[in-house]
């Protein structure tokens, strides 16, 4: 199936970059998530590539749907992160890999309070497999876009800690700095060479592996920012940008470059890992569904209802969710863990 695929994948990735360059990018989240989903398409085998490439604009534009739902839908926010530090030392290795085992130890309420991204990726995998089996085009595309988003989040170091925005270490704003400012400035210079998509033997373990690798990079994310500020001074770390007529305070370009250089390709590696993992999960779901003929789906005339389902998803009604647990909740759980 994959004869000469490495060469083909490299050519297709370059084609993807050319296509992406004509597609306007939004702010952070929009920029990175859209790029990850778009380029993951070009890692797929020919049996999937035609279908996914035909719908590439949908997969790109709707890569941000989970974020659109995040502040409006109860239970959406915890799907984007996991605060490993609240569970004690080496939690990424000690916590149960499977959801039912984790619930038996920590309870579902506690898990949702501190994030469930590695388990939710696996939940999305089951849903996507079923969509492939049912040859449900809108569901295949919607779930493919969504699982790409959650995989991208799982590969971000600051999505693995309760100190997600540096609020506990006097580094407030580092979340947007790492995820937004750095990609905006440097992503066009990244190399996106990747291998063809591969079958994942244990998808749940793969989701946890991504979280572990992201978490291993956390010390560098926080440590280098802090040390650079101490070296050059807080005042020189920031500047002002004019965006859409609004002047905002942000990290200066000189500080951003110094920080990006200190990270030594970390943001690029996390983006590349996300692209590869998204392609692997799409491919694995298709294999698990029995490799349905996706080219035949392209021949189907979509009903008006299906076309409507492929439009941007409206925000469902729901009580806005506090995106992260309050500090008092965090401290209370830390005391509980200490007793155990």
C-alpha atoms as a PDB file:
ATOM      1  CA  UNK A   1       0.000   0.000   0.000  1.00  0.00           C
ATOM      2  CA  UNK A   2       2.797   2.414   0.862  1.00  0.00           C
ATOM      3  CA  UNK A   3       5.218   1.850  -2.060  1.00  0.00           C
ATOM      4  CA  UNK A   4       7.338   4.990  -2.422  1.00  0.00           C
ATOM      5  CA  UNK A   5       5.115   6.620   0.191  1.00  0.00           C
ATOM      6  CA  UNK A   6       7.871   8.545   1.913  1.00  0.00           C
ATOM      7  CA  UNK A   7       8.598  10.389  -1.300  1.00  0.00           C
ATOM      8  CA  UNK A   8       4.894  10.871  -2.006  1.00  0.00           C
ATOM      9  CA  UNK A   9       4.217  12.108   1.505  1.00  0.00           C
ATOM     10  CA  UNK A  10       6.963  14.713   1.234  1.00  0.00           C
ATOM     11  CA  UNK A  11       5.574  16.000  -2.058  1.00  0.00           C
ATOM     12  CA  UNK A  12       2.049  16.095  -0.684  1.00  0.00           C
ATOM     13  CA  UNK A  13       3.082  17.921   2.469  1.00  0.00           C
ATOM     14  CA  UNK A  14       4.652  20.610   0.284  1.00  0.00           C
ATOM     15  CA  UNK A  15       1.451  20.747  -1.738  1.00  0.00           C
ATOM     16  CA  UNK A  16      -0.456  21.173   1.486  1.00  0.00           C
ATOM     17  CA  UNK A  17       1.706  24.098   2.513  1.00  0.00           C
ATOM     18  CA  UNK A  18       1.085  25.772  -0.820  1.00  0.00           C
ATOM     19  CA  UNK A  19      -2.663  25.277  -0.442  1.00  0.00           C
ATOM     20  CA  UNK A  20      -2.556  26.541   3.127  1.00  0.00           C
ATOM     21  CA  UNK A  21      -0.711  29.693   2.159  1.00  0.00           C
ATOM     22  CA  UNK A  22      -3.785  30.797   0.195  1.00  0.00           C
ATOM     23  CA  UNK A  23      -6.096  30.213   3.148  1.00  0.00           C
ATOM     24  CA  UNK A  24      -6.284  33.114   5.629  1.00  0.00           C
ATOM     25  CA  UNK A  25      -5.204  32.209   9.138  1.00  0.00           C
ATOM     26  CA  UNK A  26      -6.884  33.466  12.252  1.00  0.00           C
ATOM     27  CA  UNK A  27      -5.576  34.051  15.730  1.00  0.00           C
ATOM     28  CA  UNK A  28      -3.954  31.350  17.876  1.00  0.00           C
ATOM     29  CA  UNK A  29      -5.831  28.132  18.013  1.00  0.00           C
ATOM     30  CA  UNK A  30      -7.323  29.010  14.667  1.00  0.00           C
ATOM     31  CA  UNK A  31      -3.870  29.234  13.097  1.00  0.00           C
ATOM     32  CA  UNK A  32      -2.256  26.167  14.641  1.00  0.00           C
ATOM     33  CA  UNK A  33      -5.269  23.854  14.699  1.00  0.00           C
ATOM     34  CA  UNK A  34      -6.155  24.640  11.105  1.00  0.00           C
ATOM     35  CA  UNK A  35      -2.604  24.022   9.938  1.00  0.00           C
ATOM     36  CA  UNK A  36      -2.360  20.728  11.840  1.00  0.00           C
ATOM     37  CA  UNK A  37      -5.594  19.329  10.374  1.00  0.00           C
ATOM     38  CA  UNK A  38      -4.793  20.534   6.870  1.00  0.00           C
ATOM     39  CA  UNK A  39      -1.333  19.027   6.698  1.00  0.00           C
ATOM     40  CA  UNK A  40      -2.421  15.763   8.333  1.00  0.00           C
ATOM     41  CA  UNK A  41      -4.496  15.085   5.209  1.00  0.00           C
ATOM     42  CA  UNK A  42      -1.338  14.678   3.134  1.00  0.00           C
ATOM     43  CA  UNK A  43      -0.009  11.867   5.327  1.00  0.00           C
ATOM     44  CA  UNK A  44      -2.945   9.601   4.358  1.00  0.00           C
ATOM     45  CA  UNK A  45      -2.743   6.663   1.917  1.00  0.00           C
ATOM     46  CA  UNK A  46      -4.308   7.001  -1.562  1.00  0.00           C
ATOM     47  CA  UNK A  47      -7.437   5.116  -0.435  1.00  0.00           C
ATOM     48  CA  UNK A  48      -8.217   7.962   1.990  1.00  0.00           C
ATOM     49  CA  UNK A  49      -6.421  10.901   0.446  1.00  0.00           C
ATOM     50  CA  UNK A  50      -8.876  11.629  -2.361  1.00  0.00           C
ATOM     51  CA  UNK A  51     -11.834  11.883   0.028  1.00  0.00           C
ATOM     52  CA  UNK A  52      -9.998  13.899   2.675  1.00  0.00           C
ATOM     53  CA  UNK A  53      -8.371  16.218   0.152  1.00  0.00           C
ATOM     54  CA  UNK A  54     -11.755  16.874  -1.474  1.00  0.00           C
ATOM     55  CA  UNK A  55     -13.025  18.016   1.937  1.00  0.00           C
ATOM     56  CA  UNK A  56      -9.780  19.658   3.077  1.00  0.00           C
ATOM     57  CA  UNK A  57     -11.280  23.112   3.458  1.00  0.00           C
ATOM     58  CA  UNK A  58     -13.971  21.753   5.772  1.00  0.00           C
ATOM     59  CA  UNK A  59     -11.398  19.891   7.870  1.00  0.00           C
ATOM     60  CA  UNK A  60      -9.273  23.039   8.030  1.00  0.00           C
ATOM     61  CA  UNK A  61     -12.006  25.548   8.811  1.00  0.00           C
ATOM     62  CA  UNK A  62     -13.740  23.327  11.369  1.00  0.00           C
ATOM     63  CA  UNK A  63     -10.589  22.363  13.236  1.00  0.00           C
ATOM     64  CA  UNK A  64     -11.564  25.061  15.737  1.00  0.00           C
ATOM     65  CA  UNK A  65     -15.132  23.870  16.432  1.00  0.00           C
ATOM     66  CA  UNK A  66     -14.256  22.434  19.870  1.00  0.00           C
ATOM     67  CA  UNK A  67     -12.935  25.850  20.916  1.00  0.00           C
ATOM     68  CA  UNK A  68     -16.128  27.473  19.657  1.00  0.00           C
ATOM     69  CA  UNK A  69     -18.074  25.144  21.938  1.00  0.00           C
ATOM     70  CA  UNK A  70     -15.676  25.440  24.841  1.00  0.00           C
ATOM     71  CA  UNK A  71     -17.273  28.359  26.674  1.00  0.00           C
ATOM     72  CA  UNK A  72     -20.879  27.467  25.909  1.00  0.00           C
ATOM     73  CA  UNK A  73     -21.215  23.718  26.379  1.00  0.00           C
ATOM     74  CA  UNK A  74     -21.035  22.043  29.758  1.00  0.00           C
ATOM     75  CA  UNK A  75     -18.300  19.372  29.878  1.00  0.00           C
ATOM     76  CA  UNK A  76     -16.543  20.663  26.739  1.00  0.00           C
ATOM     77  CA  UNK A  77     -13.676  22.504  28.435  1.00  0.00           C
ATOM     78  CA  UNK A  78     -12.127  19.482  30.252  1.00  0.00           C
ATOM     79  CA  UNK A  79     -11.723  17.689  26.938  1.00  0.00           C
ATOM     80  CA  UNK A  80      -8.876  20.029  25.991  1.00  0.00           C
ATOM     81  CA  UNK A  81      -6.356  19.425  28.788  1.00  0.00           C
ATOM     82  CA  UNK A  82      -5.291  17.374  31.825  1.00  0.00           C
ATOM     83  CA  UNK A  83      -3.720  18.869  34.949  1.00  0.00           C
ATOM     84  CA  UNK A  84      -1.251  16.105  35.716  1.00  0.00           C
ATOM     85  CA  UNK A  85       0.396  17.915  38.618  1.00  0.00           C
ATOM     86  CA  UNK A  86      -2.692  17.649  40.838  1.00  0.00           C
ATOM     87  CA  UNK A  87      -2.354  13.866  40.827  1.00  0.00           C
ATOM     88  CA  UNK A  88       1.139  13.786  42.283  1.00  0.00           C
ATOM     89  CA  UNK A  89       4.598  12.875  41.059  1.00  0.00           C
ATOM     90  CA  UNK A  90       4.898  10.919  37.783  1.00  0.00           C
ATOM     91  CA  UNK A  91       1.115  10.962  37.333  1.00  0.00           C
ATOM     92  CA  UNK A  92       1.475  10.612  33.563  1.00  0.00           C
ATOM     93  CA  UNK A  93       2.965   7.171  34.165  1.00  0.00           C
ATOM     94  CA  UNK A  94       1.018   6.103  37.237  1.00  0.00           C
ATOM     95  CA  UNK A  95      -2.547   7.081  36.347  1.00  0.00           C
ATOM     96  CA  UNK A  96      -4.813   4.398  34.873  1.00  0.00           C
ATOM     97  CA  UNK A  97      -4.668   4.393  31.113  1.00  0.00           C
ATOM     98  CA  UNK A  98      -8.319   3.470  30.661  1.00  0.00           C
ATOM     99  CA  UNK A  99     -11.308   5.582  31.654  1.00  0.00           C
ATOM    100  CA  UNK A 100     -13.252   3.082  33.785  1.00  0.00           C
ATOM    101  CA  UNK A 101     -10.185   2.279  35.870  1.00  0.00           C
ATOM    102  CA  UNK A 102      -9.483   5.978  36.401  1.00  0.00           C
ATOM    103  CA  UNK A 103     -13.097   6.677  37.431  1.00  0.00           C
ATOM    104  CA  UNK A 104     -12.935   3.847  39.967  1.00  0.00           C
ATOM    105  CA  UNK A 105      -9.973   5.533  41.656  1.00  0.00           C
ATOM    106  CA  UNK A 106     -10.622   9.275  41.269  1.00  0.00           C
ATOM    107  CA  UNK A 107     -14.379   9.575  40.426  1.00  0.00           C
ATOM    108  CA  UNK A 108     -15.710  11.079  37.233  1.00  0.00           C
ATOM    109  CA  UNK A 109     -16.288  14.508  38.810  1.00  0.00           C
ATOM    110  CA  UNK A 110     -12.640  14.802  39.841  1.00  0.00           C
ATOM    111  CA  UNK A 111     -11.354  13.710  36.455  1.00  0.00           C
ATOM    112  CA  UNK A 112     -13.555  16.244  34.678  1.00  0.00           C
ATOM    113  CA  UNK A 113     -12.477  18.969  37.099  1.00  0.00           C
ATOM    114  CA  UNK A 114      -8.840  18.519  36.038  1.00  0.00           C
ATOM    115  CA  UNK A 115      -9.171  17.532  32.402  1.00  0.00           C
ATOM    116  CA  UNK A 116      -9.745  14.371  30.379  1.00  0.00           C
ATOM    117  CA  UNK A 117      -7.999  14.970  27.045  1.00  0.00           C
ATOM    118  CA  UNK A 118      -6.200  11.577  26.710  1.00  0.00           C
ATOM    119  CA  UNK A 119      -9.402   9.663  27.418  1.00  0.00           C
ATOM    120  CA  UNK A 120     -11.544  11.891  25.247  1.00  0.00           C
ATOM    121  CA  UNK A 121      -9.276  11.317  22.251  1.00  0.00           C
ATOM    122  CA  UNK A 122     -10.047   7.624  22.570  1.00  0.00           C
ATOM    123  CA  UNK A 123     -13.774   8.348  22.887  1.00  0.00           C
ATOM    124  CA  UNK A 124     -13.594  10.331  19.661  1.00  0.00           C
ATOM    125  CA  UNK A 125     -11.792   7.443  18.028  1.00  0.00           C
ATOM    126  CA  UNK A 126     -14.706   5.082  18.793  1.00  0.00           C
ATOM    127  CA  UNK A 127     -17.154   7.608  17.354  1.00  0.00           C
ATOM    128  CA  UNK A 128     -15.124   8.085  14.186  1.00  0.00           C
ATOM    129  CA  UNK A 129     -14.868   4.319  13.648  1.00  0.00           C
ATOM    130  CA  UNK A 130     -18.666   4.083  13.834  1.00  0.00           C
ATOM    131  CA  UNK A 131     -19.060   6.970  11.410  1.00  0.00           C
ATOM    132  CA  UNK A 132     -16.794   5.187   8.921  1.00  0.00           C
ATOM    133  CA  UNK A 133     -18.775   1.967   9.347  1.00  0.00           C
ATOM    134  CA  UNK A 134     -22.041   3.816   8.722  1.00  0.00           C
ATOM    135  CA  UNK A 135     -20.497   5.727   5.797  1.00  0.00           C
ATOM    136  CA  UNK A 136     -21.960   8.875   7.319  1.00  0.00           C
ATOM    137  CA  UNK A 137     -20.167  11.677   5.478  1.00  0.00           C
ATOM    138  CA  UNK A 138     -21.087  14.589   7.783  1.00  0.00           C
ATOM    139  CA  UNK A 139     -20.136  12.579  10.884  1.00  0.00           C
ATOM    140  CA  UNK A 140     -16.852  11.394   9.351  1.00  0.00           C
ATOM    141  CA  UNK A 141     -15.833  14.943   8.572  1.00  0.00           C
ATOM    142  CA  UNK A 142     -17.080  16.529  11.783  1.00  0.00           C
ATOM    143  CA  UNK A 143     -15.445  13.904  13.983  1.00  0.00           C
ATOM    144  CA  UNK A 144     -12.222  13.961  11.947  1.00  0.00           C
ATOM    145  CA  UNK A 145     -11.992  17.717  12.445  1.00  0.00           C
ATOM    146  CA  UNK A 146     -12.767  17.427  16.160  1.00  0.00           C
ATOM    147  CA  UNK A 147     -10.342  14.626  16.974  1.00  0.00           C
ATOM    148  CA  UNK A 148      -7.630  16.609  15.200  1.00  0.00           C
ATOM    149  CA  UNK A 149      -8.279  19.495  17.569  1.00  0.00           C
ATOM    150  CA  UNK A 150      -8.079  17.393  20.735  1.00  0.00           C
ATOM    151  CA  UNK A 151      -4.907  15.680  19.517  1.00  0.00           C
ATOM    152  CA  UNK A 152      -3.357  19.074  18.897  1.00  0.00           C
ATOM    153  CA  UNK A 153      -4.235  20.150  22.439  1.00  0.00           C
ATOM    154  CA  UNK A 154      -2.781  16.963  23.940  1.00  0.00           C
ATOM    155  CA  UNK A 155       0.581  17.808  22.387  1.00  0.00           C
ATOM    156  CA  UNK A 156       0.818  21.242  24.054  1.00  0.00           C
ATOM    157  CA  UNK A 157       2.918  21.315  27.271  1.00  0.00           C
ATOM    158  CA  UNK A 158       0.769  23.960  28.965  1.00  0.00           C
ATOM    159  CA  UNK A 159      -2.297  21.761  28.470  1.00  0.00           C
ATOM    160  CA  UNK A 160      -0.814  19.277  30.943  1.00  0.00           C
ATOM    161  CA  UNK A 161      -0.588  21.461  34.051  1.00  0.00           C
ATOM    162  CA  UNK A 162      -2.794  23.442  36.422  1.00  0.00           C
ATOM    163  CA  UNK A 163      -0.254  26.261  35.938  1.00  0.00           C
ATOM    164  CA  UNK A 164      -1.553  26.521  32.378  1.00  0.00           C
ATOM    165  CA  UNK A 165      -1.037  30.285  32.071  1.00  0.00           C
ATOM    166  CA  UNK A 166       1.883  30.764  34.449  1.00  0.00           C
ATOM    167  CA  UNK A 167      -0.485  32.122  37.092  1.00  0.00           C
ATOM    168  CA  UNK A 168       1.268  30.256  39.920  1.00  0.00           C
ATOM    169  CA  UNK A 169       4.804  31.285  38.879  1.00  0.00           C
ATOM    170  CA  UNK A 170       4.351  34.973  38.042  1.00  0.00           C
ATOM    171  CA  UNK A 171       4.415  34.197  34.310  1.00  0.00           C
ATOM    172  CA  UNK A 172       0.869  35.171  33.471  1.00  0.00           C
ATOM    173  CA  UNK A 173       0.331  35.232  29.715  1.00  0.00           C
ATOM    174  CA  UNK A 174       2.816  32.513  28.814  1.00  0.00           C
ATOM    175  CA  UNK A 175       0.044  30.315  27.422  1.00  0.00           C
ATOM    176  CA  UNK A 176      -0.772  32.704  24.597  1.00  0.00           C
ATOM    177  CA  UNK A 177       2.913  33.485  24.160  1.00  0.00           C
ATOM    178  CA  UNK A 178       3.900  29.874  23.523  1.00  0.00           C
ATOM    179  CA  UNK A 179       0.784  28.922  21.542  1.00  0.00           C
ATOM    180  CA  UNK A 180       0.146  32.155  19.656  1.00  0.00           C
ATOM    181  CA  UNK A 181       3.022  34.596  19.517  1.00  0.00           C
ATOM    182  CA  UNK A 182       5.709  32.049  18.640  1.00  0.00           C
ATOM    183  CA  UNK A 183       3.788  30.278  15.836  1.00  0.00           C
ATOM    184  CA  UNK A 184       2.700  33.627  14.405  1.00  0.00           C
ATOM    185  CA  UNK A 185       6.311  34.751  14.165  1.00  0.00           C
ATOM    186  CA  UNK A 186       8.131  31.545  13.262  1.00  0.00           C
ATOM    187  CA  UNK A 187       5.807  28.808  11.914  1.00  0.00           C
ATOM    188  CA  UNK A 188       6.433  29.700   8.280  1.00  0.00           C
ATOM    189  CA  UNK A 189      10.050  28.628   8.778  1.00  0.00           C
ATOM    190  CA  UNK A 190       9.202  25.208  10.209  1.00  0.00           C
ATOM    191  CA  UNK A 191       9.857  21.966   8.383  1.00  0.00           C
ATOM    192  CA  UNK A 192       6.740  19.826   8.043  1.00  0.00           C
ATOM    193  CA  UNK A 193       8.295  16.684   6.580  1.00  0.00           C
ATOM    194  CA  UNK A 194       6.511  13.665   7.964  1.00  0.00           C
ATOM    195  CA  UNK A 195       6.141   9.957   7.339  1.00  0.00           C
ATOM    196  CA  UNK A 196       2.993   8.330   5.906  1.00  0.00           C
ATOM    197  CA  UNK A 197       0.212   7.640   8.400  1.00  0.00           C
ATOM    198  CA  UNK A 198       0.633   4.391  10.335  1.00  0.00           C
ATOM    199  CA  UNK A 199      -1.698   2.034  12.175  1.00  0.00           C
ATOM    200  CA  UNK A 200      -1.745   2.647  15.925  1.00  0.00           C
ATOM    201  CA  UNK A 201      -1.841  -0.645  17.813  1.00  0.00           C
ATOM    202  CA  UNK A 202      -3.002   0.849  21.113  1.00  0.00           C
ATOM    203  CA  UNK A 203      -4.720   4.227  20.500  1.00  0.00           C
ATOM    204  CA  UNK A 204      -5.393   4.888  24.176  1.00  0.00           C
ATOM    205  CA  UNK A 205      -1.716   4.358  24.989  1.00  0.00           C
ATOM    206  CA  UNK A 206      -0.793   6.650  22.095  1.00  0.00           C
ATOM    207  CA  UNK A 207      -2.944   9.440  23.502  1.00  0.00           C
ATOM    208  CA  UNK A 208      -1.189   9.102  26.860  1.00  0.00           C
ATOM    209  CA  UNK A 209       2.199   9.018  25.151  1.00  0.00           C
ATOM    210  CA  UNK A 210       1.451  12.389  23.540  1.00  0.00           C
ATOM    211  CA  UNK A 211       0.487  13.870  26.909  1.00  0.00           C
ATOM    212  CA  UNK A 212       3.675  12.517  28.533  1.00  0.00           C
ATOM    213  CA  UNK A 213       5.915  13.953  25.815  1.00  0.00           C
ATOM    214  CA  UNK A 214       4.186  17.307  26.061  1.00  0.00           C
ATOM    215  CA  UNK A 215       4.500  17.315  29.830  1.00  0.00           C
ATOM    216  CA  UNK A 216       8.208  16.494  29.622  1.00  0.00           C
ATOM    217  CA  UNK A 217       8.695  19.779  27.749  1.00  0.00           C
ATOM    218  CA  UNK A 218       6.906  21.829  30.424  1.00  0.00           C
ATOM    219  CA  UNK A 219       9.995  22.635  32.494  1.00  0.00           C
ATOM    220  CA  UNK A 220      11.648  24.205  29.456  1.00  0.00           C
ATOM    221  CA  UNK A 221       8.524  26.188  28.563  1.00  0.00           C
ATOM    222  CA  UNK A 222       8.404  27.801  31.996  1.00  0.00           C
ATOM    223  CA  UNK A 223      12.088  27.763  32.892  1.00  0.00           C
ATOM    224  CA  UNK A 224      13.496  29.424  29.779  1.00  0.00           C
ATOM    225  CA  UNK A 225      10.916  32.205  29.850  1.00  0.00           C
ATOM    226  CA  UNK A 226      11.714  32.972  33.482  1.00  0.00           C
ATOM    227  CA  UNK A 227      15.492  32.887  33.075  1.00  0.00           C
ATOM    228  CA  UNK A 228      15.422  35.082  29.963  1.00  0.00           C
ATOM    229  CA  UNK A 229      13.323  37.687  31.749  1.00  0.00           C
ATOM    230  CA  UNK A 230      15.836  37.724  34.590  1.00  0.00           C
ATOM    231  CA  UNK A 231      18.688  38.179  32.125  1.00  0.00           C
ATOM    232  CA  UNK A 232      17.285  41.018  30.027  1.00  0.00           C
ATOM    233  CA  UNK A 233      14.843  42.632  32.442  1.00  0.00           C
ATOM    234  CA  UNK A 234      11.067  42.584  32.583  1.00  0.00           C
ATOM    235  CA  UNK A 235      10.713  45.926  30.769  1.00  0.00           C
ATOM    236  CA  UNK A 236      12.625  44.705  27.685  1.00  0.00           C
ATOM    237  CA  UNK A 237      10.580  41.511  27.435  1.00  0.00           C
ATOM    238  CA  UNK A 238       7.484  43.385  26.306  1.00  0.00           C
ATOM    239  CA  UNK A 239       6.492  45.740  23.520  1.00  0.00           C
ATOM    240  CA  UNK A 240       3.320  47.030  21.906  1.00  0.00           C
ATOM    241  CA  UNK A 241       1.512  45.780  18.804  1.00  0.00           C
ATOM    242  CA  UNK A 242      -1.153  47.500  16.732  1.00  0.00           C
ATOM    243  CA  UNK A 243      -3.808  45.007  15.672  1.00  0.00           C
ATOM    244  CA  UNK A 244      -6.929  46.153  13.877  1.00  0.00           C
ATOM    245  CA  UNK A 245      -6.420  49.626  15.239  1.00  0.00           C
ATOM    246  CA  UNK A 246      -6.013  48.424  18.822  1.00  0.00           C
ATOM    247  CA  UNK A 247      -2.700  48.782  20.631  1.00  0.00           C
ATOM    248  CA  UNK A 248      -1.929  45.805  22.863  1.00  0.00           C
ATOM    249  CA  UNK A 249       0.982  44.925  25.122  1.00  0.00           C
ATOM    250  CA  UNK A 250       2.732  41.715  24.137  1.00  0.00           C
ATOM    251  CA  UNK A 251       6.091  39.993  24.227  1.00  0.00           C
ATOM    252  CA  UNK A 252       8.610  41.888  22.102  1.00  0.00           C
ATOM    253  CA  UNK A 253       9.951  40.381  18.895  1.00  0.00           C
ATOM    254  CA  UNK A 254      13.499  40.332  20.253  1.00  0.00           C
ATOM    255  CA  UNK A 255      12.421  38.477  23.398  1.00  0.00           C
ATOM    256  CA  UNK A 256      10.238  36.136  21.349  1.00  0.00           C
ATOM    257  CA  UNK A 257      13.178  35.218  19.139  1.00  0.00           C
ATOM    258  CA  UNK A 258      15.469  34.656  22.114  1.00  0.00           C
ATOM    259  CA  UNK A 259      12.861  32.450  23.769  1.00  0.00           C
ATOM    260  CA  UNK A 260      12.126  30.559  20.559  1.00  0.00           C
ATOM    261  CA  UNK A 261      15.853  29.965  20.051  1.00  0.00           C
ATOM    262  CA  UNK A 262      16.225  28.767  23.648  1.00  0.00           C
ATOM    263  CA  UNK A 263      13.416  26.248  23.111  1.00  0.00           C
ATOM    264  CA  UNK A 264      15.490  24.854  20.216  1.00  0.00           C
ATOM    265  CA  UNK A 265      12.661  23.779  17.915  1.00  0.00           C
ATOM    266  CA  UNK A 266      10.223  22.716  20.623  1.00  0.00           C
ATOM    267  CA  UNK A 267       7.136  24.416  19.141  1.00  0.00           C
ATOM    268  CA  UNK A 268       7.964  23.008  15.713  1.00  0.00           C
ATOM    269  CA  UNK A 269       8.364  19.498  17.142  1.00  0.00           C
ATOM    270  CA  UNK A 270       5.043  19.696  18.975  1.00  0.00           C
ATOM    271  CA  UNK A 271       3.251  20.840  15.814  1.00  0.00           C
ATOM    272  CA  UNK A 272       4.878  18.120  13.724  1.00  0.00           C
ATOM    273  CA  UNK A 273       3.973  15.484  16.330  1.00  0.00           C
ATOM    274  CA  UNK A 274       0.377  16.708  16.231  1.00  0.00           C
ATOM    275  CA  UNK A 275       0.192  16.511  12.430  1.00  0.00           C
ATOM    276  CA  UNK A 276       1.588  13.001  12.423  1.00  0.00           C
ATOM    277  CA  UNK A 277      -0.673  11.820  15.231  1.00  0.00           C
ATOM    278  CA  UNK A 278      -3.824  13.208  13.585  1.00  0.00           C
ATOM    279  CA  UNK A 279      -3.030  11.362  10.369  1.00  0.00           C
ATOM    280  CA  UNK A 280      -2.304   8.176  12.308  1.00  0.00           C
ATOM    281  CA  UNK A 281      -5.627   8.346  14.166  1.00  0.00           C
ATOM    282  CA  UNK A 282      -7.663   9.034  11.028  1.00  0.00           C
ATOM    283  CA  UNK A 283      -5.972   6.112   9.312  1.00  0.00           C
ATOM    284  CA  UNK A 284      -6.369   3.804  12.311  1.00  0.00           C
ATOM    285  CA  UNK A 285     -10.084   4.574  12.604  1.00  0.00           C
ATOM    286  CA  UNK A 286     -10.558   3.823   8.924  1.00  0.00           C
ATOM    287  CA  UNK A 287      -8.703   0.493   9.278  1.00  0.00           C
ATOM    288  CA  UNK A 288     -10.724  -0.446  12.383  1.00  0.00           C
ATOM    289  CA  UNK A 289     -13.933   0.290  10.467  1.00  0.00           C
ATOM    290  CA  UNK A 290     -12.996  -2.267   7.813  1.00  0.00           C
ATOM    291  CA  UNK A 291     -11.450   0.118   5.269  1.00  0.00           C
ATOM    292  CA  UNK A 292     -14.689   1.352   3.641  1.00  0.00           C
ATOM    293  CA  UNK A 293     -14.381   2.651   0.084  1.00  0.00           C
ATOM    294  CA  UNK A 294     -14.246   6.413   0.620  1.00  0.00           C
ATOM    295  CA  UNK A 295     -14.108   7.111  -3.120  1.00  0.00           C
ATOM    296  CA  UNK A 296     -17.657   5.794  -3.411  1.00  0.00           C
ATOM    297  CA  UNK A 297     -18.738   8.333  -0.826  1.00  0.00           C
ATOM    298  CA  UNK A 298     -17.553  11.070  -3.157  1.00  0.00           C
ATOM    299  CA  UNK A 299     -20.024   9.806  -5.733  1.00  0.00           C
ATOM    300  CA  UNK A 300     -22.942  10.220  -3.351  1.00  0.00           C
ATOM    301  CA  UNK A 301     -25.221  13.210  -3.739  1.00  0.00           C
ATOM    302  CA  UNK A 302     -25.562  14.878  -0.372  1.00  0.00           C
ATOM    303  CA  UNK A 303     -29.072  15.540   0.831  1.00  0.00           C
ATOM    304  CA  UNK A 304     -30.015  19.035   1.942  1.00  0.00           C
ATOM    305  CA  UNK A 305     -29.950  17.779   5.523  1.00  0.00           C
ATOM    306  CA  UNK A 306     -26.416  16.449   5.073  1.00  0.00           C
ATOM    307  CA  UNK A 307     -25.302  19.708   3.477  1.00  0.00           C
ATOM    308  CA  UNK A 308     -26.714  21.578   6.450  1.00  0.00           C
ATOM    309  CA  UNK A 309     -24.845  19.250   8.794  1.00  0.00           C
ATOM    310  CA  UNK A 310     -21.606  20.199   7.058  1.00  0.00           C
ATOM    311  CA  UNK A 311     -22.107  23.880   7.761  1.00  0.00           C
ATOM    312  CA  UNK A 312     -20.335  25.462  10.722  1.00  0.00           C
ATOM    313  CA  UNK A 313     -21.826  24.011  13.860  1.00  0.00           C
ATOM    314  CA  UNK A 314     -23.873  26.514  15.862  1.00  0.00           C
ATOM    315  CA  UNK A 315     -23.117  26.826  19.542  1.00  0.00           C
ATOM    316  CA  UNK A 316     -25.589  24.610  21.376  1.00  0.00           C
ATOM    317  CA  UNK A 317     -27.457  26.145  24.271  1.00  0.00           C
ATOM    318  CA  UNK A 318     -25.855  25.470  27.605  1.00  0.00           C
ATOM    319  CA  UNK A 319     -24.633  27.054  30.770  1.00  0.00           C
ATOM    320  CA  UNK A 320     -21.184  28.651  30.328  1.00  0.00           C
ATOM    321  CA  UNK A 321     -18.518  26.598  32.024  1.00  0.00           C
ATOM    322  CA  UNK A 322     -15.751  27.796  34.295  1.00  0.00           C
ATOM    323  CA  UNK A 323     -12.859  26.719  32.102  1.00  0.00           C
ATOM    324  CA  UNK A 324     -10.567  25.747  34.953  1.00  0.00           C
ATOM    325  CA  UNK A 325     -11.218  24.728  38.559  1.00  0.00           C
ATOM    326  CA  UNK A 326     -10.879  27.429  41.176  1.00  0.00           C
ATOM    327  CA  UNK A 327      -7.626  27.519  43.127  1.00  0.00           C
ATOM    328  CA  UNK A 328      -9.461  26.493  46.302  1.00  0.00           C
ATOM    329  CA  UNK A 329     -10.647  23.346  44.528  1.00  0.00           C
ATOM    330  CA  UNK A 330      -7.090  22.687  43.403  1.00  0.00           C
ATOM    331  CA  UNK A 331      -5.653  23.090  46.916  1.00  0.00           C
ATOM    332  CA  UNK A 332      -8.366  20.924  48.419  1.00  0.00           C
ATOM    333  CA  UNK A 333      -7.600  18.117  46.025  1.00  0.00           C
ATOM    334  CA  UNK A 334      -3.876  18.441  46.723  1.00  0.00           C
ATOM    335  CA  UNK A 335      -4.592  17.915  50.413  1.00  0.00           C
ATOM    336  CA  UNK A 336      -6.731  14.890  49.586  1.00  0.00           C
ATOM    337  CA  UNK A 337      -3.943  13.379  47.505  1.00  0.00           C
ATOM    338  CA  UNK A 338      -1.421  14.049  50.277  1.00  0.00           C
ATOM    339  CA  UNK A 339      -3.545  12.080  52.742  1.00  0.00           C
ATOM    340  CA  UNK A 340      -3.652   9.128  50.370  1.00  0.00           C
END
